[in-house]
């Protein structure tokens, strides 16, 4: 019947959209991962802002 064909078309479109969404999210995660690795491998010490005196700010 036409109903089965319509249902198959809807499922195929949904599957295609889900695939593109998964690829988009995956690529975003990969980009964030590589940016994080690039920032960490810069060689500088990473210090959070915790309202305390940081030793790296003290000039000798």
PDB file of N, CA and C in Angstrom:
ATOM      1  N   UNK A   1       0.833  -1.198   0.000  1.00  0.00           N
ATOM      2  CA  UNK A   1       0.000   0.000   0.000  1.00  0.00           C
ATOM      3  C   UNK A   1       0.870   1.251   0.000  1.00  0.00           C
ATOM      4  N   UNK A   2       0.224   2.344  -0.178  1.00  0.00           N
ATOM      5  CA  UNK A   2       0.936   3.619  -0.162  1.00  0.00           C
ATOM      6  C   UNK A   2       1.369   4.014   1.251  1.00  0.00           C
ATOM      7  N   UNK A   3       0.655   3.503   2.238  1.00  0.00           N
ATOM      8  CA  UNK A   3       0.978   3.844   3.619  1.00  0.00           C
ATOM      9  C   UNK A   3       2.348   3.292   4.012  1.00  0.00           C
ATOM     10  N   UNK A   4       2.649   2.075   3.602  1.00  0.00           N
ATOM     11  CA  UNK A   4       3.961   1.481   3.908  1.00  0.00           C
ATOM     12  C   UNK A   4       5.076   2.243   3.216  1.00  0.00           C
ATOM     13  N   UNK A   5       4.845   2.644   1.969  1.00  0.00           N
ATOM     14  CA  UNK A   5       5.864   3.400   1.240  1.00  0.00           C
ATOM     15  C   UNK A   5       6.095   4.751   1.904  1.00  0.00           C
ATOM     16  N   UNK A   6       5.029   5.408   2.320  1.00  0.00           N
ATOM     17  CA  UNK A   6       5.140   6.692   3.008  1.00  0.00           C
ATOM     18  C   UNK A   6       5.892   6.533   4.320  1.00  0.00           C
ATOM     19  N   UNK A   7       5.595   5.463   5.051  1.00  0.00           N
ATOM     20  CA  UNK A   7       6.257   5.214   6.326  1.00  0.00           C
ATOM     21  C   UNK A   7       7.748   4.940   6.116  1.00  0.00           C
ATOM     22  N   UNK A   8       8.075   4.187   5.061  1.00  0.00           N
ATOM     23  CA  UNK A   8       9.483   3.910   4.762  1.00  0.00           C
ATOM     24  C   UNK A   8      10.222   5.189   4.373  1.00  0.00           C
ATOM     25  N   UNK A   9       9.571   6.057   3.616  1.00  0.00           N
ATOM     26  CA  UNK A   9      10.194   7.324   3.231  1.00  0.00           C
ATOM     27  C   UNK A   9      10.459   8.197   4.453  1.00  0.00           C
ATOM     28  N   UNK A  10       9.501   8.237   5.355  1.00  0.00           N
ATOM     29  CA  UNK A  10       9.662   9.041   6.576  1.00  0.00           C
ATOM     30  C   UNK A  10      10.817   8.488   7.413  1.00  0.00           C
ATOM     31  N   UNK A  11      10.879   7.147   7.547  1.00  0.00           N
ATOM     32  CA  UNK A  11      11.963   6.541   8.327  1.00  0.00           C
ATOM     33  C   UNK A  11      13.316   6.783   7.684  1.00  0.00           C
ATOM     34  N   UNK A  12      13.367   6.757   6.351  1.00  0.00           N
ATOM     35  CA  UNK A  12      14.626   6.991   5.654  1.00  0.00           C
ATOM     36  C   UNK A  12      15.083   8.437   5.835  1.00  0.00           C
ATOM     37  N   UNK A  13      14.170   9.381   5.755  1.00  0.00           N
ATOM     38  CA  UNK A  13      14.527  10.789   5.974  1.00  0.00           C
ATOM     39  C   UNK A  13      14.982  11.014   7.412  1.00  0.00           C
ATOM     40  N   UNK A  14      14.289  10.385   8.346  1.00  0.00           N
ATOM     41  CA  UNK A  14      14.649  10.529   9.757  1.00  0.00           C
ATOM     42  C   UNK A  14      16.035   9.955  10.019  1.00  0.00           C
ATOM     43  N   UNK A  15      16.323   8.807   9.400  1.00  0.00           N
ATOM     44  CA  UNK A  15      17.633   8.182   9.571  1.00  0.00           C
ATOM     45  C   UNK A  15      18.733   9.073   9.002  1.00  0.00           C
ATOM     46  N   UNK A  16      18.459   9.696   7.863  1.00  0.00           N
ATOM     47  CA  UNK A  16      19.436  10.580   7.241  1.00  0.00           C
ATOM     48  C   UNK A  16      19.698  11.809   8.115  1.00  0.00           C
ATOM     49  N   UNK A  17      18.645  12.396   8.653  1.00  0.00           N
ATOM     50  CA  UNK A  17      18.819  13.561   9.526  1.00  0.00           C
ATOM     51  C   UNK A  17      19.573  13.195  10.796  1.00  0.00           C
ATOM     52  N   UNK A  18      19.269  12.019  11.347  1.00  0.00           N
ATOM     53  CA  UNK A  18      19.979  11.578  12.552  1.00  0.00           C
ATOM     54  C   UNK A  18      21.451  11.341  12.279  1.00  0.00           C
ATOM     55  N   UNK A  19      21.760  10.820  11.094  1.00  0.00           N
ATOM     56  CA  UNK A  19      23.160  10.603  10.731  1.00  0.00           C
ATOM     57  C   UNK A  19      23.905  11.925  10.643  1.00  0.00           C
ATOM     58  N   UNK A  20      23.309  12.924   9.987  1.00  0.00           N
ATOM     59  CA  UNK A  20      23.962  14.236   9.878  1.00  0.00           C
ATOM     60  C   UNK A  20      24.108  14.894  11.244  1.00  0.00           C
ATOM     61  N   UNK A  21      23.115  14.728  12.102  1.00  0.00           N
ATOM     62  CA  UNK A  21      23.213  15.284  13.455  1.00  0.00           C
ATOM     63  C   UNK A  21      24.342  14.612  14.227  1.00  0.00           C
ATOM     64  N   UNK A  22      24.463  13.297  14.113  1.00  0.00           N
ATOM     65  CA  UNK A  22      25.526  12.570  14.807  1.00  0.00           C
ATOM     66  C   UNK A  22      26.897  12.990  14.281  1.00  0.00           C
ATOM     67  N   UNK A  23      27.018  13.149  12.975  1.00  0.00           N
ATOM     68  CA  UNK A  23      28.295  13.589  12.406  1.00  0.00           C
ATOM     69  C   UNK A  23      28.645  15.008  12.846  1.00  0.00           C
ATOM     70  N   UNK A  24      27.653  15.878  12.914  1.00  0.00           N
ATOM     71  CA  UNK A  24      27.898  17.256  13.354  1.00  0.00           C
ATOM     72  C   UNK A  24      28.347  17.293  14.810  1.00  0.00           C
ATOM     73  N   UNK A  25      27.654  16.567  15.664  1.00  0.00           N
ATOM     74  CA  UNK A  25      28.028  16.544  17.078  1.00  0.00           C
ATOM     75  C   UNK A  25      29.401  15.906  17.276  1.00  0.00           C
ATOM     76  N   UNK A  26      29.662  14.849  16.554  1.00  0.00           N
ATOM     77  CA  UNK A  26      30.965  14.192  16.650  1.00  0.00           C
ATOM     78  C   UNK A  26      32.096  15.099  16.217  1.00  0.00           C
ATOM     79  N   UNK A  27      31.886  15.831  15.119  1.00  0.00           N
ATOM     80  CA  UNK A  27      32.944  16.750  14.662  1.00  0.00           C
ATOM     81  C   UNK A  27      33.134  17.895  15.646  1.00  0.00           C
ATOM     82  N   UNK A  28      32.066  18.367  16.275  1.00  0.00           N
ATOM     83  CA  UNK A  28      32.192  19.412  17.288  1.00  0.00           C
ATOM     84  C   UNK A  28      33.012  18.910  18.471  1.00  0.00           C
ATOM     85  N   UNK A  29      32.760  17.684  18.890  1.00  0.00           N
ATOM     86  CA  UNK A  29      33.506  17.109  20.011  1.00  0.00           C
ATOM     87  C   UNK A  29      34.979  16.965  19.653  1.00  0.00           C
ATOM     88  N   UNK A  30      35.264  16.556  18.422  1.00  0.00           N
ATOM     89  CA  UNK A  30      36.655  16.409  17.981  1.00  0.00           C
ATOM     90  C   UNK A  30      37.358  17.763  17.964  1.00  0.00           C
ATOM     91  N   UNK A  31      36.680  18.806  17.498  1.00  0.00           N
ATOM     92  CA  UNK A  31      37.276  20.144  17.460  1.00  0.00           C
ATOM     93  C   UNK A  31      37.571  20.634  18.877  1.00  0.00           C
ATOM     94  N   UNK A  32      36.627  20.444  19.793  1.00  0.00           N
ATOM     95  CA  UNK A  32      36.844  20.863  21.184  1.00  0.00           C
ATOM     96  C   UNK A  32      38.002  20.085  21.795  1.00  0.00           C
ATOM     97  N   UNK A  33      38.100  18.804  21.496  1.00  0.00           N
ATOM     98  CA  UNK A  33      39.196  17.984  22.016  1.00  0.00           C
ATOM     99  C   UNK A  33      40.546  18.499  21.520  1.00  0.00           C
ATOM    100  N   UNK A  34      40.645  18.785  20.211  1.00  0.00           N
ATOM    101  CA  UNK A  34      41.922  19.251  19.669  1.00  0.00           C
ATOM    102  C   UNK A  34      42.280  20.652  20.166  1.00  0.00           C
ATOM    103  N   UNK A  35      41.297  21.505  20.375  1.00  0.00           N
ATOM    104  CA  UNK A  35      41.583  22.826  20.943  1.00  0.00           C
ATOM    105  C   UNK A  35      42.100  22.670  22.369  1.00  0.00           C
ATOM    106  N   UNK A  36      41.499  21.756  23.117  1.00  0.00           N
ATOM    107  CA  UNK A  36      41.954  21.517  24.487  1.00  0.00           C
ATOM    108  C   UNK A  36      43.380  20.975  24.502  1.00  0.00           C
ATOM    109  N   UNK A  37      43.673  20.034  23.631  1.00  0.00           N
ATOM    110  CA  UNK A  37      45.027  19.480  23.550  1.00  0.00           C
ATOM    111  C   UNK A  37      46.020  20.571  23.156  1.00  0.00           C
ATOM    112  N   UNK A  38      45.649  21.439  22.235  1.00  0.00           N
ATOM    113  CA  UNK A  38      46.549  22.512  21.806  1.00  0.00           C
ATOM    114  C   UNK A  38      46.817  23.482  22.953  1.00  0.00           C
ATOM    115  N   UNK A  39      45.800  23.780  23.738  1.00  0.00           N
ATOM    116  CA  UNK A  39      46.001  24.690  24.867  1.00  0.00           C
ATOM    117  C   UNK A  39      46.859  24.033  25.948  1.00  0.00           C
ATOM    118  N   UNK A  40      46.669  22.740  26.186  1.00  0.00           N
ATOM    119  CA  UNK A  40      47.440  22.054  27.220  1.00  0.00           C
ATOM    120  C   UNK A  40      48.888  21.846  26.805  1.00  0.00           C
ATOM    121  N   UNK A  41      49.133  21.663  25.521  1.00  0.00           N
ATOM    122  CA  UNK A  41      50.495  21.390  25.082  1.00  0.00           C
ATOM    123  C   UNK A  41      51.294  22.666  24.827  1.00  0.00           C
ATOM    124  N   UNK A  42      50.727  23.802  25.183  1.00  0.00           N
ATOM    125  CA  UNK A  42      51.410  25.081  25.003  1.00  0.00           C
ATOM    126  C   UNK A  42      52.626  25.185  25.920  1.00  0.00           C
ATOM    127  N   UNK A  43      52.644  24.447  27.003  1.00  0.00           N
ATOM    128  CA  UNK A  43      53.786  24.454  27.908  1.00  0.00           C
ATOM    129  C   UNK A  43      53.567  25.318  29.128  1.00  0.00           C
ATOM    130  N   UNK A  44      52.593  26.183  29.102  1.00  0.00           N
ATOM    131  CA  UNK A  44      52.311  27.030  30.264  1.00  0.00           C
ATOM    132  C   UNK A  44      51.537  26.238  31.299  1.00  0.00           C
ATOM    133  N   UNK A  45      51.717  26.614  32.545  1.00  0.00           N
ATOM    134  CA  UNK A  45      50.917  25.957  33.570  1.00  0.00           C
ATOM    135  C   UNK A  45      49.519  26.560  33.551  1.00  0.00           C
ATOM    136  N   UNK A  46      48.558  25.699  33.674  1.00  0.00           N
ATOM    137  CA  UNK A  46      47.167  26.144  33.661  1.00  0.00           C
ATOM    138  C   UNK A  46      46.722  26.322  35.106  1.00  0.00           C
ATOM    139  N   UNK A  47      46.356  27.539  35.442  1.00  0.00           N
ATOM    140  CA  UNK A  47      45.942  27.837  36.801  1.00  0.00           C
ATOM    141  C   UNK A  47      44.528  28.392  36.759  1.00  0.00           C
ATOM    142  N   UNK A  48      43.682  27.828  37.586  1.00  0.00           N
ATOM    143  CA  UNK A  48      42.310  28.302  37.650  1.00  0.00           C
ATOM    144  C   UNK A  48      42.211  29.577  38.470  1.00  0.00           C
ATOM    145  N   UNK A  49      41.124  30.278  38.306  1.00  0.00           N
ATOM    146  CA  UNK A  49      40.889  31.497  39.075  1.00  0.00           C
ATOM    147  C   UNK A  49      40.144  31.108  40.338  1.00  0.00           C
ATOM    148  N   UNK A  50      40.875  30.966  41.448  1.00  0.00           N
ATOM    149  CA  UNK A  50      40.256  30.511  42.688  1.00  0.00           C
ATOM    150  C   UNK A  50      40.422  31.522  43.821  1.00  0.00           C
ATOM    151  N   UNK A  51      40.671  32.778  43.494  1.00  0.00           N
ATOM    152  CA  UNK A  51      40.755  33.880  44.455  1.00  0.00           C
ATOM    153  C   UNK A  51      41.881  33.688  45.473  1.00  0.00           C
ATOM    154  N   UNK A  52      42.943  33.073  45.046  1.00  0.00           N
ATOM    155  CA  UNK A  52      44.102  32.925  45.925  1.00  0.00           C
ATOM    156  C   UNK A  52      45.322  33.480  45.200  1.00  0.00           C
ATOM    157  N   UNK A  53      46.367  33.717  45.965  1.00  0.00           N
ATOM    158  CA  UNK A  53      47.613  34.217  45.407  1.00  0.00           C
ATOM    159  C   UNK A  53      48.290  33.104  44.620  1.00  0.00           C
ATOM    160  N   UNK A  54      48.600  33.400  43.375  1.00  0.00           N
ATOM    161  CA  UNK A  54      49.268  32.415  42.548  1.00  0.00           C
ATOM    162  C   UNK A  54      50.764  32.676  42.571  1.00  0.00           C
ATOM    163  N   UNK A  55      51.542  31.635  42.797  1.00  0.00           N
ATOM    164  CA  UNK A  55      53.006  31.816  42.851  1.00  0.00           C
ATOM    165  C   UNK A  55      53.591  32.336  41.548  1.00  0.00           C
ATOM    166  N   UNK A  56      52.951  32.071  40.443  1.00  0.00           N
ATOM    167  CA  UNK A  56      53.509  32.499  39.155  1.00  0.00           C
ATOM    168  C   UNK A  56      53.392  34.024  38.975  1.00  0.00           C
ATOM    169  N   UNK A  57      52.559  34.690  39.779  1.00  0.00           N
ATOM    170  CA  UNK A  57      52.398  36.141  39.672  1.00  0.00           C
ATOM    171  C   UNK A  57      53.418  36.911  40.509  1.00  0.00           C
ATOM    172  N   UNK A  58      54.079  36.215  41.424  1.00  0.00           N
ATOM    173  CA  UNK A  58      55.044  36.874  42.301  1.00  0.00           C
ATOM    174  C   UNK A  58      56.349  37.056  41.530  1.00  0.00           C
ATOM    175  N   UNK A  59      56.810  38.302  41.463  1.00  0.00           N
ATOM    176  CA  UNK A  59      58.073  38.593  40.781  1.00  0.00           C
ATOM    177  C   UNK A  59      59.211  38.426  41.769  1.00  0.00           C
ATOM    178  N   UNK A  60      60.257  37.828  41.310  1.00  0.00           N
ATOM    179  CA  UNK A  60      61.395  37.589  42.210  1.00  0.00           C
ATOM    180  C   UNK A  60      62.404  38.699  42.092  1.00  0.00           C
TER     181      UNK A  60
END
